[in-house]
Amino acid sequence: MTPQLYLHIAGNVYAVQVLPGFPRGNVRRVVRLTKRVDLFSKPDAGDEIYDVAAFASGLAECSCPHWIFRCSKEPDQRVAAARCKHILSVAYPEVGLISLPEPVDVKPVAAPAKVEVVDEPVPF
């Protein structure tokens, strides 16, 4: 079995998948985070799925409700990225799936508490 990356973000477990077919156009990479409702259920069995898109400009966007309804309205997109836990988690140095521009003077949300590459999801 191929190892799968799981992130523990704000008390939830997310399976991580880098989507194929990128870079394409202005999008450099898309990372799918699947929030596992039940660690032992089949993937996508009622799970929430968020996509983080990294752009050539160095900025990123997320498909989570917090990003769509709050962060995307922020005039400085660097500040917006620092307020989305999903974007910050995939950009976290130990994960390193995307890069963000220079940090801005804003208090970010918490980074992932635990990052592991495992064969099967384990409770955190």
PDB file of N, CA and C in Angstrom:
ATOM      1  N   MET A   1       0.837  -1.174   0.000  1.00  0.00           N
ATOM      2  CA  MET A   1       0.000   0.000   0.000  1.00  0.00           C
ATOM      3  C   MET A   1       0.890   1.249   0.000  1.00  0.00           C
ATOM      4  N   THR A   2       0.524   2.242  -0.810  1.00  0.00           N
ATOM      5  CA  THR A   2       1.271   3.486  -0.869  1.00  0.00           C
ATOM      6  C   THR A   2       0.995   4.302   0.387  1.00  0.00           C
ATOM      7  N   PRO A   3       2.042   4.840   1.024  1.00  0.00           N
ATOM      8  CA  PRO A   3       1.795   5.645   2.212  1.00  0.00           C
ATOM      9  C   PRO A   3       0.908   6.838   1.884  1.00  0.00           C
ATOM     10  N   GLN A   4       0.064   7.202   2.805  1.00  0.00           N
ATOM     11  CA  GLN A   4      -0.856   8.330   2.652  1.00  0.00           C
ATOM     12  C   GLN A   4      -0.495   9.364   3.703  1.00  0.00           C
ATOM     13  N   LEU A   5      -0.519  10.624   3.320  1.00  0.00           N
ATOM     14  CA  LEU A   5      -0.265  11.691   4.276  1.00  0.00           C
ATOM     15  C   LEU A   5      -1.574  12.087   4.937  1.00  0.00           C
ATOM     16  N   TYR A   6      -1.559  12.139   6.259  1.00  0.00           N
ATOM     17  CA  TYR A   6      -2.702  12.599   7.032  1.00  0.00           C
ATOM     18  C   TYR A   6      -2.257  13.787   7.858  1.00  0.00           C
ATOM     19  N   LEU A   7      -3.085  14.827   7.911  1.00  0.00           N
ATOM     20  CA  LEU A   7      -2.801  15.987   8.735  1.00  0.00           C
ATOM     21  C   LEU A   7      -3.816  16.070   9.860  1.00  0.00           C
ATOM     22  N   HIS A   8      -3.340  16.461  11.007  1.00  0.00           N
ATOM     23  CA  HIS A   8      -4.206  16.712  12.148  1.00  0.00           C
ATOM     24  C   HIS A   8      -4.307  18.225  12.259  1.00  0.00           C
ATOM     25  N   ILE A   9      -5.490  18.784  11.941  1.00  0.00           N
ATOM     26  CA  ILE A   9      -5.685  20.232  11.918  1.00  0.00           C
ATOM     27  C   ILE A   9      -6.847  20.578  12.833  1.00  0.00           C
ATOM     28  N   ALA A  10      -6.561  21.359  13.855  1.00  0.00           N
ATOM     29  CA  ALA A  10      -7.601  21.842  14.776  1.00  0.00           C
ATOM     30  C   ALA A  10      -8.525  20.728  15.260  1.00  0.00           C
ATOM     31  N   GLY A  11      -7.946  19.600  15.634  1.00  0.00           N
ATOM     32  CA  GLY A  11      -8.725  18.512  16.202  1.00  0.00           C
ATOM     33  C   GLY A  11      -9.373  17.575  15.205  1.00  0.00           C
ATOM     34  N   ASN A  12      -9.117  17.776  13.918  1.00  0.00           N
ATOM     35  CA  ASN A  12      -9.689  16.911  12.878  1.00  0.00           C
ATOM     36  C   ASN A  12      -8.584  16.251  12.068  1.00  0.00           C
ATOM     37  N   VAL A  13      -8.890  15.077  11.521  1.00  0.00           N
ATOM     38  CA  VAL A  13      -7.941  14.352  10.691  1.00  0.00           C
ATOM     39  C   VAL A  13      -8.330  14.549   9.222  1.00  0.00           C
ATOM     40  N   TYR A  14      -7.353  14.931   8.403  1.00  0.00           N
ATOM     41  CA  TYR A  14      -7.564  15.146   6.976  1.00  0.00           C
ATOM     42  C   TYR A  14      -6.626  14.236   6.187  1.00  0.00           C
ATOM     43  N   ALA A  15      -7.174  13.521   5.208  1.00  0.00           N
ATOM     44  CA  ALA A  15      -6.348  12.788   4.254  1.00  0.00           C
ATOM     45  C   ALA A  15      -5.920  13.803   3.193  1.00  0.00           C
ATOM     46  N   VAL A  16      -4.674  13.724   2.747  1.00  0.00           N
ATOM     47  CA  VAL A  16      -4.111  14.700   1.806  1.00  0.00           C
ATOM     48  C   VAL A  16      -3.831  14.028   0.477  1.00  0.00           C
ATOM     49  N   GLN A  17      -4.228  14.690  -0.602  1.00  0.00           N
ATOM     50  CA  GLN A  17      -3.982  14.183  -1.950  1.00  0.00           C
ATOM     51  C   GLN A  17      -3.600  15.359  -2.843  1.00  0.00           C
ATOM     52  N   VAL A  18      -2.452  15.240  -3.533  1.00  0.00           N
ATOM     53  CA  VAL A  18      -2.080  16.235  -4.536  1.00  0.00           C
ATOM     54  C   VAL A  18      -2.761  15.804  -5.831  1.00  0.00           C
ATOM     55  N   LEU A  19      -3.623  16.675  -6.363  1.00  0.00           N
ATOM     56  CA  LEU A  19      -4.385  16.315  -7.557  1.00  0.00           C
ATOM     57  C   LEU A  19      -3.497  16.345  -8.796  1.00  0.00           C
ATOM     58  N   PRO A  20      -3.647  15.382  -9.694  1.00  0.00           N
ATOM     59  CA  PRO A  20      -2.843  15.343 -10.915  1.00  0.00           C
ATOM     60  C   PRO A  20      -3.313  16.401 -11.923  1.00  0.00           C
ATOM     61  N   GLY A  21      -2.483  16.679 -12.918  1.00  0.00           N
ATOM     62  CA  GLY A  21      -2.856  17.579 -13.997  1.00  0.00           C
ATOM     63  C   GLY A  21      -2.391  19.011 -13.814  1.00  0.00           C
ATOM     64  N   PHE A  22      -1.568  19.267 -12.830  1.00  0.00           N
ATOM     65  CA  PHE A  22      -1.068  20.609 -12.583  1.00  0.00           C
ATOM     66  C   PHE A  22       0.455  20.571 -12.589  1.00  0.00           C
ATOM     67  N   PRO A  23       1.138  21.638 -13.017  1.00  0.00           N
ATOM     68  CA  PRO A  23       0.606  22.970 -13.274  1.00  0.00           C
ATOM     69  C   PRO A  23      -0.185  23.039 -14.573  1.00  0.00           C
ATOM     70  N   ARG A  24      -1.187  23.915 -14.539  1.00  0.00           N
ATOM     71  CA  ARG A  24      -2.014  24.179 -15.716  1.00  0.00           C
ATOM     72  C   ARG A  24      -2.494  25.616 -15.610  1.00  0.00           C
ATOM     73  N   GLY A  25      -2.165  26.412 -16.630  1.00  0.00           N
ATOM     74  CA  GLY A  25      -2.533  27.826 -16.611  1.00  0.00           C
ATOM     75  C   GLY A  25      -1.857  28.525 -15.451  1.00  0.00           C
ATOM     76  N   ASN A  26      -2.631  29.312 -14.717  1.00  0.00           N
ATOM     77  CA  ASN A  26      -2.123  30.068 -13.578  1.00  0.00           C
ATOM     78  C   ASN A  26      -2.056  29.218 -12.302  1.00  0.00           C
ATOM     79  N   VAL A  27      -2.645  28.032 -12.313  1.00  0.00           N
ATOM     80  CA  VAL A  27      -2.674  27.170 -11.126  1.00  0.00           C
ATOM     81  C   VAL A  27      -1.445  26.259 -11.136  1.00  0.00           C
ATOM     82  N   ARG A  28      -0.662  26.339 -10.085  1.00  0.00           N
ATOM     83  CA  ARG A  28       0.563  25.536  -9.992  1.00  0.00           C
ATOM     84  C   ARG A  28       0.319  24.177  -9.360  1.00  0.00           C
ATOM     85  N   ARG A  29      -0.551  24.127  -8.349  1.00  0.00           N
ATOM     86  CA  ARG A  29      -0.804  22.860  -7.647  1.00  0.00           C
ATOM     87  C   ARG A  29      -2.148  22.956  -6.939  1.00  0.00           C
ATOM     88  N   VAL A  30      -2.844  21.816  -6.877  1.00  0.00           N
ATOM     89  CA  VAL A  30      -4.078  21.728  -6.098  1.00  0.00           C
ATOM     90  C   VAL A  30      -3.926  20.563  -5.124  1.00  0.00           C
ATOM     91  N   VAL A  31      -4.171  20.857  -3.866  1.00  0.00           N
ATOM     92  CA  VAL A  31      -4.077  19.856  -2.807  1.00  0.00           C
ATOM     93  C   VAL A  31      -5.477  19.658  -2.238  1.00  0.00           C
ATOM     94  N   ARG A  32      -5.939  18.409  -2.243  1.00  0.00           N
ATOM     95  CA  ARG A  32      -7.262  18.078  -1.708  1.00  0.00           C
ATOM     96  C   ARG A  32      -7.118  17.578  -0.281  1.00  0.00           C
ATOM     97  N   LEU A  33      -7.878  18.182   0.617  1.00  0.00           N
ATOM     98  CA  LEU A  33      -7.932  17.763   2.016  1.00  0.00           C
ATOM     99  C   LEU A  33      -9.307  17.149   2.261  1.00  0.00           C
ATOM    100  N   THR A  34      -9.327  15.895   2.665  1.00  0.00           N
ATOM    101  CA  THR A  34     -10.583  15.203   2.956  1.00  0.00           C
ATOM    102  C   THR A  34     -10.681  15.027   4.463  1.00  0.00           C
ATOM    103  N   LYS A  35     -11.613  15.755   5.055  1.00  0.00           N
ATOM    104  CA  LYS A  35     -11.826  15.682   6.500  1.00  0.00           C
ATOM    105  C   LYS A  35     -12.553  14.384   6.806  1.00  0.00           C
ATOM    106  N   ARG A  36     -11.895  13.518   7.545  1.00  0.00           N
ATOM    107  CA  ARG A  36     -12.450  12.202   7.838  1.00  0.00           C
ATOM    108  C   ARG A  36     -13.449  12.295   8.979  1.00  0.00           C
ATOM    109  N   VAL A  37     -14.693  11.978   8.678  1.00  0.00           N
ATOM    110  CA  VAL A  37     -15.744  11.965   9.690  1.00  0.00           C
ATOM    111  C   VAL A  37     -15.525  10.800  10.643  1.00  0.00           C
ATOM    112  N   ASP A  38     -15.159   9.674  10.086  1.00  0.00           N
ATOM    113  CA  ASP A  38     -14.915   8.465  10.860  1.00  0.00           C
ATOM    114  C   ASP A  38     -13.618   7.869  10.335  1.00  0.00           C
ATOM    115  N   LEU A  39     -12.632   7.722  11.186  1.00  0.00           N
ATOM    116  CA  LEU A  39     -11.319   7.250  10.746  1.00  0.00           C
ATOM    117  C   LEU A  39     -11.350   5.881  10.087  1.00  0.00           C
ATOM    118  N   PHE A  40     -12.356   5.099  10.384  1.00  0.00           N
ATOM    119  CA  PHE A  40     -12.358   3.736   9.881  1.00  0.00           C
ATOM    120  C   PHE A  40     -13.397   3.509   8.788  1.00  0.00           C
ATOM    121  N   SER A  41     -14.066   4.578   8.356  1.00  0.00           N
ATOM    122  CA  SER A  41     -15.020   4.456   7.254  1.00  0.00           C
ATOM    123  C   SER A  41     -14.271   4.564   5.928  1.00  0.00           C
ATOM    124  N   LYS A  42     -14.935   4.222   4.856  1.00  0.00           N
ATOM    125  CA  LYS A  42     -14.341   4.374   3.538  1.00  0.00           C
ATOM    126  C   LYS A  42     -14.209   5.862   3.237  1.00  0.00           C
ATOM    127  N   PRO A  43     -13.154   6.266   2.493  1.00  0.00           N
ATOM    128  CA  PRO A  43     -13.024   7.670   2.119  1.00  0.00           C
ATOM    129  C   PRO A  43     -14.273   8.154   1.384  1.00  0.00           C
ATOM    130  N   ASP A  44     -14.581   9.407   1.546  1.00  0.00           N
ATOM    131  CA  ASP A  44     -15.714  10.088   0.907  1.00  0.00           C
ATOM    132  C   ASP A  44     -17.059   9.611   1.424  1.00  0.00           C
ATOM    133  N   ALA A  45     -17.113   8.917   2.543  1.00  0.00           N
ATOM    134  CA  ALA A  45     -18.392   8.475   3.118  1.00  0.00           C
ATOM    135  C   ALA A  45     -18.932   9.584   4.012  1.00  0.00           C
ATOM    136  N   GLY A  46     -19.404  10.659   3.398  1.00  0.00           N
ATOM    137  CA  GLY A  46     -19.906  11.793   4.158  1.00  0.00           C
ATOM    138  C   GLY A  46     -18.822  12.738   4.617  1.00  0.00           C
ATOM    139  N   ASP A  47     -17.608  12.549   4.128  1.00  0.00           N
ATOM    140  CA  ASP A  47     -16.501  13.406   4.521  1.00  0.00           C
ATOM    141  C   ASP A  47     -16.618  14.775   3.846  1.00  0.00           C
ATOM    142  N   GLU A  48     -16.032  15.792   4.474  1.00  0.00           N
ATOM    143  CA  GLU A  48     -15.961  17.122   3.881  1.00  0.00           C
ATOM    144  C   GLU A  48     -14.666  17.203   3.087  1.00  0.00           C
ATOM    145  N   ILE A  49     -14.731  17.795   1.886  1.00  0.00           N
ATOM    146  CA  ILE A  49     -13.564  17.891   1.006  1.00  0.00           C
ATOM    147  C   ILE A  49     -13.289  19.355   0.709  1.00  0.00           C
ATOM    148  N   TYR A  50     -12.034  19.765   0.915  1.00  0.00           N
ATOM    149  CA  TYR A  50     -11.602  21.129   0.617  1.00  0.00           C
ATOM    150  C   TYR A  50     -10.401  21.065  -0.310  1.00  0.00           C
ATOM    151  N   ASP A  51     -10.406  21.922  -1.316  1.00  0.00           N
ATOM    152  CA  ASP A  51      -9.276  22.015  -2.237  1.00  0.00           C
ATOM    153  C   ASP A  51      -8.530  23.310  -1.987  1.00  0.00           C
ATOM    154  N   VAL A  52      -7.198  23.205  -1.874  1.00  0.00           N
ATOM    155  CA  VAL A  52      -6.334  24.367  -1.749  1.00  0.00           C
ATOM    156  C   VAL A  52      -5.592  24.498  -3.074  1.00  0.00           C
ATOM    157  N   ALA A  53      -5.777  25.646  -3.746  1.00  0.00           N
ATOM    158  CA  ALA A  53      -5.122  25.904  -5.025  1.00  0.00           C
ATOM    159  C   ALA A  53      -3.999  26.907  -4.817  1.00  0.00           C
ATOM    160  N   ALA A  54      -2.804  26.558  -5.291  1.00  0.00           N
ATOM    161  CA  ALA A  54      -1.649  27.456  -5.241  1.00  0.00           C
ATOM    162  C   ALA A  54      -1.439  28.034  -6.637  1.00  0.00           C
ATOM    163  N   PHE A  55      -1.304  29.349  -6.716  1.00  0.00           N
ATOM    164  CA  PHE A  55      -1.184  30.034  -7.994  1.00  0.00           C
ATOM    165  C   PHE A  55       0.249  30.459  -8.276  1.00  0.00           C
ATOM    166  N   ALA A  56       0.530  30.760  -9.538  1.00  0.00           N
ATOM    167  CA  ALA A  56       1.856  31.194  -9.969  1.00  0.00           C
ATOM    168  C   ALA A  56       2.289  32.463  -9.240  1.00  0.00           C
ATOM    169  N   SER A  57       1.339  33.277  -8.829  1.00  0.00           N
ATOM    170  CA  SER A  57       1.634  34.520  -8.110  1.00  0.00           C
ATOM    171  C   SER A  57       2.186  34.258  -6.708  1.00  0.00           C
ATOM    172  N   GLY A  58       2.070  33.011  -6.235  1.00  0.00           N
ATOM    173  CA  GLY A  58       2.490  32.672  -4.878  1.00  0.00           C
ATOM    174  C   GLY A  58       1.342  32.703  -3.893  1.00  0.00           C
ATOM    175  N   LEU A  59       0.181  33.156  -4.320  1.00  0.00           N
ATOM    176  CA  LEU A  59      -0.983  33.202  -3.446  1.00  0.00           C
ATOM    177  C   LEU A  59      -1.733  31.876  -3.511  1.00  0.00           C
ATOM    178  N   ALA A  60      -2.674  31.692  -2.603  1.00  0.00           N
ATOM    179  CA  ALA A  60      -3.440  30.452  -2.549  1.00  0.00           C
ATOM    180  C   ALA A  60      -4.877  30.758  -2.168  1.00  0.00           C
ATOM    181  N   GLU A  61      -5.779  29.846  -2.562  1.00  0.00           N
ATOM    182  CA  GLU A  61      -7.184  29.939  -2.204  1.00  0.00           C
ATOM    183  C   GLU A  61      -7.657  28.573  -1.735  1.00  0.00           C
ATOM    184  N   CYS A  62      -8.737  28.587  -0.949  1.00  0.00           N
ATOM    185  CA  CYS A  62      -9.288  27.342  -0.417  1.00  0.00           C
ATOM    186  C   CYS A  62     -10.781  27.295  -0.715  1.00  0.00           C
ATOM    187  N   SER A  63     -11.327  26.098  -0.823  1.00  0.00           N
ATOM    188  CA  SER A  63     -12.759  25.947  -1.093  1.00  0.00           C
ATOM    189  C   SER A  63     -13.591  25.803   0.187  1.00  0.00           C
ATOM    190  N   CYS A  64     -12.980  25.980   1.356  1.00  0.00           N
ATOM    191  CA  CYS A  64     -13.732  25.853   2.612  1.00  0.00           C
ATOM    192  C   CYS A  64     -14.652  27.059   2.809  1.00  0.00           C
ATOM    193  N   PRO A  65     -15.743  26.887   3.549  1.00  0.00           N
ATOM    194  CA  PRO A  65     -16.669  28.001   3.785  1.00  0.00           C
ATOM    195  C   PRO A  65     -16.002  29.216   4.432  1.00  0.00           C
ATOM    196  N   HIS A  66     -15.066  28.987   5.348  1.00  0.00           N
ATOM    197  CA  HIS A  66     -14.376  30.104   6.003  1.00  0.00           C
ATOM    198  C   HIS A  66     -13.656  30.966   4.972  1.00  0.00           C
ATOM    199  N   TRP A  67     -12.953  30.324   4.033  1.00  0.00           N
ATOM    200  CA  TRP A  67     -12.248  31.074   2.993  1.00  0.00           C
ATOM    201  C   TRP A  67     -13.251  31.798   2.092  1.00  0.00           C
ATOM    202  N   ILE A  68     -14.261  31.100   1.625  1.00  0.00           N
ATOM    203  CA  ILE A  68     -15.210  31.667   0.655  1.00  0.00           C
ATOM    204  C   ILE A  68     -15.961  32.864   1.234  1.00  0.00           C
ATOM    205  N   PHE A  69     -16.469  32.747   2.451  1.00  0.00           N
ATOM    206  CA  PHE A  69     -17.332  33.784   2.996  1.00  0.00           C
ATOM    207  C   PHE A  69     -16.621  34.835   3.834  1.00  0.00           C
ATOM    208  N   ARG A  70     -15.379  34.575   4.251  1.00  0.00           N
ATOM    209  CA  ARG A  70     -14.681  35.555   5.084  1.00  0.00           C
ATOM    210  C   ARG A  70     -13.337  35.958   4.500  1.00  0.00           C
ATOM    211  N   CYS A  71     -12.449  34.999   4.292  1.00  0.00           N
ATOM    212  CA  CYS A  71     -11.081  35.330   3.881  1.00  0.00           C
ATOM    213  C   CYS A  71     -11.008  35.925   2.478  1.00  0.00           C
ATOM    214  N   SER A  72     -11.813  35.436   1.554  1.00  0.00           N
ATOM    215  CA  SER A  72     -11.722  35.898   0.167  1.00  0.00           C
ATOM    216  C   SER A  72     -12.082  37.374   0.031  1.00  0.00           C
ATOM    217  N   LYS A  73     -12.749  37.943   1.029  1.00  0.00           N
ATOM    218  CA  LYS A  73     -13.122  39.353   0.988  1.00  0.00           C
ATOM    219  C   LYS A  73     -11.999  40.257   1.495  1.00  0.00           C
ATOM    220  N   GLU A  74     -10.942  39.673   2.040  1.00  0.00           N
ATOM    221  CA  GLU A  74      -9.799  40.424   2.555  1.00  0.00           C
ATOM    222  C   GLU A  74      -9.049  41.065   1.385  1.00  0.00           C
ATOM    223  N   PRO A  75      -8.815  42.394   1.423  1.00  0.00           N
ATOM    224  CA  PRO A  75      -8.118  43.059   0.305  1.00  0.00           C
ATOM    225  C   PRO A  75      -6.691  42.545   0.078  1.00  0.00           C
ATOM    226  N   ASP A  76      -5.971  42.226   1.148  1.00  0.00           N
ATOM    227  CA  ASP A  76      -4.613  41.702   1.024  1.00  0.00           C
ATOM    228  C   ASP A  76      -4.690  40.178   1.084  1.00  0.00           C
ATOM    229  N   GLN A  77      -4.503  39.505  -0.039  1.00  0.00           N
ATOM    230  CA  GLN A  77      -4.652  38.055  -0.092  1.00  0.00           C
ATOM    231  C   GLN A  77      -3.588  37.325   0.713  1.00  0.00           C
ATOM    232  N   ARG A  78      -2.463  37.982   1.042  1.00  0.00           N
ATOM    233  CA  ARG A  78      -1.472  37.362   1.923  1.00  0.00           C
ATOM    234  C   ARG A  78      -2.050  37.227   3.331  1.00  0.00           C
ATOM    235  N   VAL A  79      -2.801  38.239   3.759  1.00  0.00           N
ATOM    236  CA  VAL A  79      -3.460  38.184   5.062  1.00  0.00           C
ATOM    237  C   VAL A  79      -4.531  37.097   5.041  1.00  0.00           C
ATOM    238  N   ALA A  80      -5.289  37.036   3.954  1.00  0.00           N
ATOM    239  CA  ALA A  80      -6.346  36.025   3.833  1.00  0.00           C
ATOM    240  C   ALA A  80      -5.766  34.620   3.956  1.00  0.00           C
ATOM    241  N   ALA A  81      -4.654  34.353   3.265  1.00  0.00           N
ATOM    242  CA  ALA A  81      -4.031  33.026   3.326  1.00  0.00           C
ATOM    243  C   ALA A  81      -3.588  32.681   4.737  1.00  0.00           C
ATOM    244  N   ALA A  82      -3.129  33.680   5.484  1.00  0.00           N
ATOM    245  CA  ALA A  82      -2.662  33.449   6.855  1.00  0.00           C
ATOM    246  C   ALA A  82      -3.811  33.166   7.805  1.00  0.00           C
ATOM    247  N   ARG A  83      -5.042  33.362   7.356  1.00  0.00           N
ATOM    248  CA  ARG A  83      -6.193  33.129   8.223  1.00  0.00           C
ATOM    249  C   ARG A  83      -6.938  31.841   7.903  1.00  0.00           C
ATOM    250  N   CYS A  84      -6.491  31.091   6.910  1.00  0.00           N
ATOM    251  CA  CYS A  84      -7.143  29.828   6.560  1.00  0.00           C
ATOM    252  C   CYS A  84      -6.284  28.670   7.065  1.00  0.00           C
ATOM    253  N   LYS A  85      -6.839  27.867   7.949  1.00  0.00           N
ATOM    254  CA  LYS A  85      -6.080  26.760   8.535  1.00  0.00           C
ATOM    255  C   LYS A  85      -5.689  25.716   7.497  1.00  0.00           C
ATOM    256  N   HIS A  86      -6.484  25.560   6.447  1.00  0.00           N
ATOM    257  CA  HIS A  86      -6.162  24.564   5.425  1.00  0.00           C
ATOM    258  C   HIS A  86      -4.967  25.017   4.583  1.00  0.00           C
ATOM    259  N   ILE A  87      -4.957  26.282   4.175  1.00  0.00           N
ATOM    260  CA  ILE A  87      -3.834  26.816   3.403  1.00  0.00           C
ATOM    261  C   ILE A  87      -2.560  26.759   4.229  1.00  0.00           C
ATOM    262  N   LEU A  88      -2.637  27.240   5.459  1.00  0.00           N
ATOM    263  CA  LEU A  88      -1.445  27.228   6.310  1.00  0.00           C
ATOM    264  C   LEU A  88      -0.923  25.823   6.548  1.00  0.00           C
ATOM    265  N   SER A  89      -1.810  24.875   6.680  1.00  0.00           N
ATOM    266  CA  SER A  89      -1.391  23.502   6.973  1.00  0.00           C
ATOM    267  C   SER A  89      -0.628  22.869   5.816  1.00  0.00           C
ATOM    268  N   VAL A  90      -1.090  23.072   4.577  1.00  0.00           N
ATOM    269  CA  VAL A  90      -0.362  22.469   3.451  1.00  0.00           C
ATOM    270  C   VAL A  90       0.901  23.246   3.116  1.00  0.00           C
ATOM    271  N   ALA A  91       1.010  24.501   3.622  1.00  0.00           N
ATOM    272  CA  ALA A  91       2.231  25.288   3.428  1.00  0.00           C
ATOM    273  C   ALA A  91       3.197  25.128   4.599  1.00  0.00           C
ATOM    274  N   TYR A  92       2.768  24.476   5.658  1.00  0.00           N
ATOM    275  CA  TYR A  92       3.593  24.271   6.849  1.00  0.00           C
ATOM    276  C   TYR A  92       4.921  23.632   6.421  1.00  0.00           C
ATOM    277  N   PRO A  93       6.062  24.107   6.928  1.00  0.00           N
ATOM    278  CA  PRO A  93       7.365  23.606   6.455  1.00  0.00           C
ATOM    279  C   PRO A  93       7.520  22.088   6.458  1.00  0.00           C
ATOM    280  N   GLU A  94       6.986  21.408   7.459  1.00  0.00           N
ATOM    281  CA  GLU A  94       7.112  19.954   7.520  1.00  0.00           C
ATOM    282  C   GLU A  94       6.256  19.260   6.466  1.00  0.00           C
ATOM    283  N   VAL A  95       5.253  19.965   5.948  1.00  0.00           N
ATOM    284  CA  VAL A  95       4.393  19.413   4.905  1.00  0.00           C
ATOM    285  C   VAL A  95       4.905  19.866   3.547  1.00  0.00           C
ATOM    286  N   GLY A  96       5.079  21.179   3.369  1.00  0.00           N
ATOM    287  CA  GLY A  96       5.726  21.751   2.196  1.00  0.00           C
ATOM    288  C   GLY A  96       5.070  21.473   0.859  1.00  0.00           C
ATOM    289  N   LEU A  97       3.757  21.332   0.804  1.00  0.00           N
ATOM    290  CA  LEU A  97       3.103  21.044  -0.473  1.00  0.00           C
ATOM    291  C   LEU A  97       2.890  22.287  -1.321  1.00  0.00           C
ATOM    292  N   ILE A  98       2.821  23.464  -0.687  1.00  0.00           N
ATOM    293  CA  ILE A  98       2.752  24.732  -1.419  1.00  0.00           C
ATOM    294  C   ILE A  98       3.645  25.736  -0.707  1.00  0.00           C
ATOM    295  N   SER A  99       3.978  26.808  -1.411  1.00  0.00           N
ATOM    296  CA  SER A  99       4.745  27.913  -0.822  1.00  0.00           C
ATOM    297  C   SER A  99       3.869  29.146  -0.809  1.00  0.00           C
ATOM    298  N   LEU A 100       4.036  29.952   0.219  1.00  0.00           N
ATOM    299  CA  LEU A 100       3.301  31.206   0.319  1.00  0.00           C
ATOM    300  C   LEU A 100       4.288  32.360   0.244  1.00  0.00           C
ATOM    301  N   PRO A 101       3.804  33.572  -0.118  1.00  0.00           N
ATOM    302  CA  PRO A 101       4.696  34.727  -0.138  1.00  0.00           C
ATOM    303  C   PRO A 101       5.184  35.070   1.265  1.00  0.00           C
ATOM    304  N   GLU A 102       6.041  36.056   1.337  1.00  0.00           N
ATOM    305  CA  GLU A 102       6.584  36.473   2.627  1.00  0.00           C
ATOM    306  C   GLU A 102       5.461  36.670   3.638  1.00  0.00           C
ATOM    307  N   PRO A 103       5.710  36.294   4.888  1.00  0.00           N
ATOM    308  CA  PRO A 103       4.672  36.447   5.907  1.00  0.00           C
ATOM    309  C   PRO A 103       4.294  37.916   6.089  1.00  0.00           C
ATOM    310  N   VAL A 104       3.086  38.118   6.507  1.00  0.00           N
ATOM    311  CA  VAL A 104       2.606  39.459   6.809  1.00  0.00           C
ATOM    312  C   VAL A 104       2.402  39.571   8.310  1.00  0.00           C
ATOM    313  N   ASP A 105       2.243  40.777   8.784  1.00  0.00           N
ATOM    314  CA  ASP A 105       2.085  41.003  10.210  1.00  0.00           C
ATOM    315  C   ASP A 105       0.635  40.746  10.616  1.00  0.00           C
ATOM    316  N   VAL A 106       0.288  39.484  10.722  1.00  0.00           N
ATOM    317  CA  VAL A 106      -1.056  39.091  11.115  1.00  0.00           C
ATOM    318  C   VAL A 106      -0.923  37.818  11.944  1.00  0.00           C
ATOM    319  N   LYS A 107      -1.774  37.691  12.933  1.00  0.00           N
ATOM    320  CA  LYS A 107      -1.738  36.474  13.748  1.00  0.00           C
ATOM    321  C   LYS A 107      -2.409  35.351  12.964  1.00  0.00           C
ATOM    322  N   PRO A 108      -1.641  34.343  12.524  1.00  0.00           N
ATOM    323  CA  PRO A 108      -2.252  33.243  11.762  1.00  0.00           C
ATOM    324  C   PRO A 108      -3.023  32.305  12.673  1.00  0.00           C
ATOM    325  N   VAL A 109      -3.861  31.500  12.050  1.00  0.00           N
ATOM    326  CA  VAL A 109      -4.513  30.436  12.802  1.00  0.00           C
ATOM    327  C   VAL A 109      -3.453  29.403  13.148  1.00  0.00           C
ATOM    328  N   ALA A 110      -3.777  28.500  14.022  1.00  0.00           N
ATOM    329  CA  ALA A 110      -2.810  27.495  14.460  1.00  0.00           C
ATOM    330  C   ALA A 110      -2.383  26.590  13.309  1.00  0.00           C
ATOM    331  N   ALA A 111      -1.110  26.258  13.292  1.00  0.00           N
ATOM    332  CA  ALA A 111      -0.573  25.299  12.323  1.00  0.00           C
ATOM    333  C   ALA A 111      -0.968  23.899  12.772  1.00  0.00           C
ATOM    334  N   PRO A 112      -0.810  22.908  11.902  1.00  0.00           N
ATOM    335  CA  PRO A 112      -1.198  21.553  12.319  1.00  0.00           C
ATOM    336  C   PRO A 112      -0.396  21.105  13.530  1.00  0.00           C
ATOM    337  N   ALA A 113      -1.084  20.481  14.452  1.00  0.00           N
ATOM    338  CA  ALA A 113      -0.426  20.025  15.672  1.00  0.00           C
ATOM    339  C   ALA A 113       0.411  18.782  15.419  1.00  0.00           C
ATOM    340  N   LYS A 114       0.046  18.006  14.408  1.00  0.00           N
ATOM    341  CA  LYS A 114       0.740  16.748  14.168  1.00  0.00           C
ATOM    342  C   LYS A 114       0.677  16.428  12.684  1.00  0.00           C
ATOM    343  N   VAL A 115       1.799  16.031  12.122  1.00  0.00           N
ATOM    344  CA  VAL A 115       1.866  15.677  10.709  1.00  0.00           C
ATOM    345  C   VAL A 115       2.552  14.328  10.620  1.00  0.00           C
ATOM    346  N   GLU A 116       1.896  13.366   9.955  1.00  0.00           N
ATOM    347  CA  GLU A 116       2.469  12.022   9.840  1.00  0.00           C
ATOM    348  C   GLU A 116       2.191  11.440   8.474  1.00  0.00           C
ATOM    349  N   VAL A 117       3.108  10.612   7.985  1.00  0.00           N
ATOM    350  CA  VAL A 117       2.875   9.802   6.799  1.00  0.00           C
ATOM    351  C   VAL A 117       2.666   8.391   7.302  1.00  0.00           C
ATOM    352  N   VAL A 118       1.467   7.858   7.068  1.00  0.00           N
ATOM    353  CA  VAL A 118       1.129   6.541   7.608  1.00  0.00           C
ATOM    354  C   VAL A 118       0.413   5.702   6.554  1.00  0.00           C
ATOM    355  N   ASP A 119       0.403   4.389   6.763  1.00  0.00           N
ATOM    356  CA  ASP A 119      -0.314   3.490   5.861  1.00  0.00           C
ATOM    357  C   ASP A 119      -1.814   3.538   6.090  1.00  0.00           C
ATOM    358  N   GLU A 120      -2.240   3.706   7.311  1.00  0.00           N
ATOM    359  CA  GLU A 120      -3.646   3.749   7.674  1.00  0.00           C
ATOM    360  C   GLU A 120      -3.847   4.920   8.616  1.00  0.00           C
ATOM    361  N   PRO A 121      -5.003   5.583   8.561  1.00  0.00           N
ATOM    362  CA  PRO A 121      -5.232   6.667   9.507  1.00  0.00           C
ATOM    363  C   PRO A 121      -5.292   6.142  10.924  1.00  0.00           C
ATOM    364  N   VAL A 122      -4.717   6.908  11.816  1.00  0.00           N
ATOM    365  CA  VAL A 122      -4.741   6.520  13.232  1.00  0.00           C
ATOM    366  C   VAL A 122      -5.344   7.657  14.025  1.00  0.00           C
ATOM    367  N   PRO A 123      -6.054   7.356  15.109  1.00  0.00           N
ATOM    368  CA  PRO A 123      -6.604   8.428  15.942  1.00  0.00           C
ATOM    369  C   PRO A 123      -5.480   9.290  16.523  1.00  0.00           C
ATOM    370  N   PHE A 124      -5.727  10.566  16.625  1.00  0.00           N
ATOM    371  CA  PHE A 124      -4.727  11.479  17.177  1.00  0.00           C
ATOM    372  C   PHE A 124      -5.071  11.809  18.607  1.00  0.00           C
TER     373      PHE A 124
END
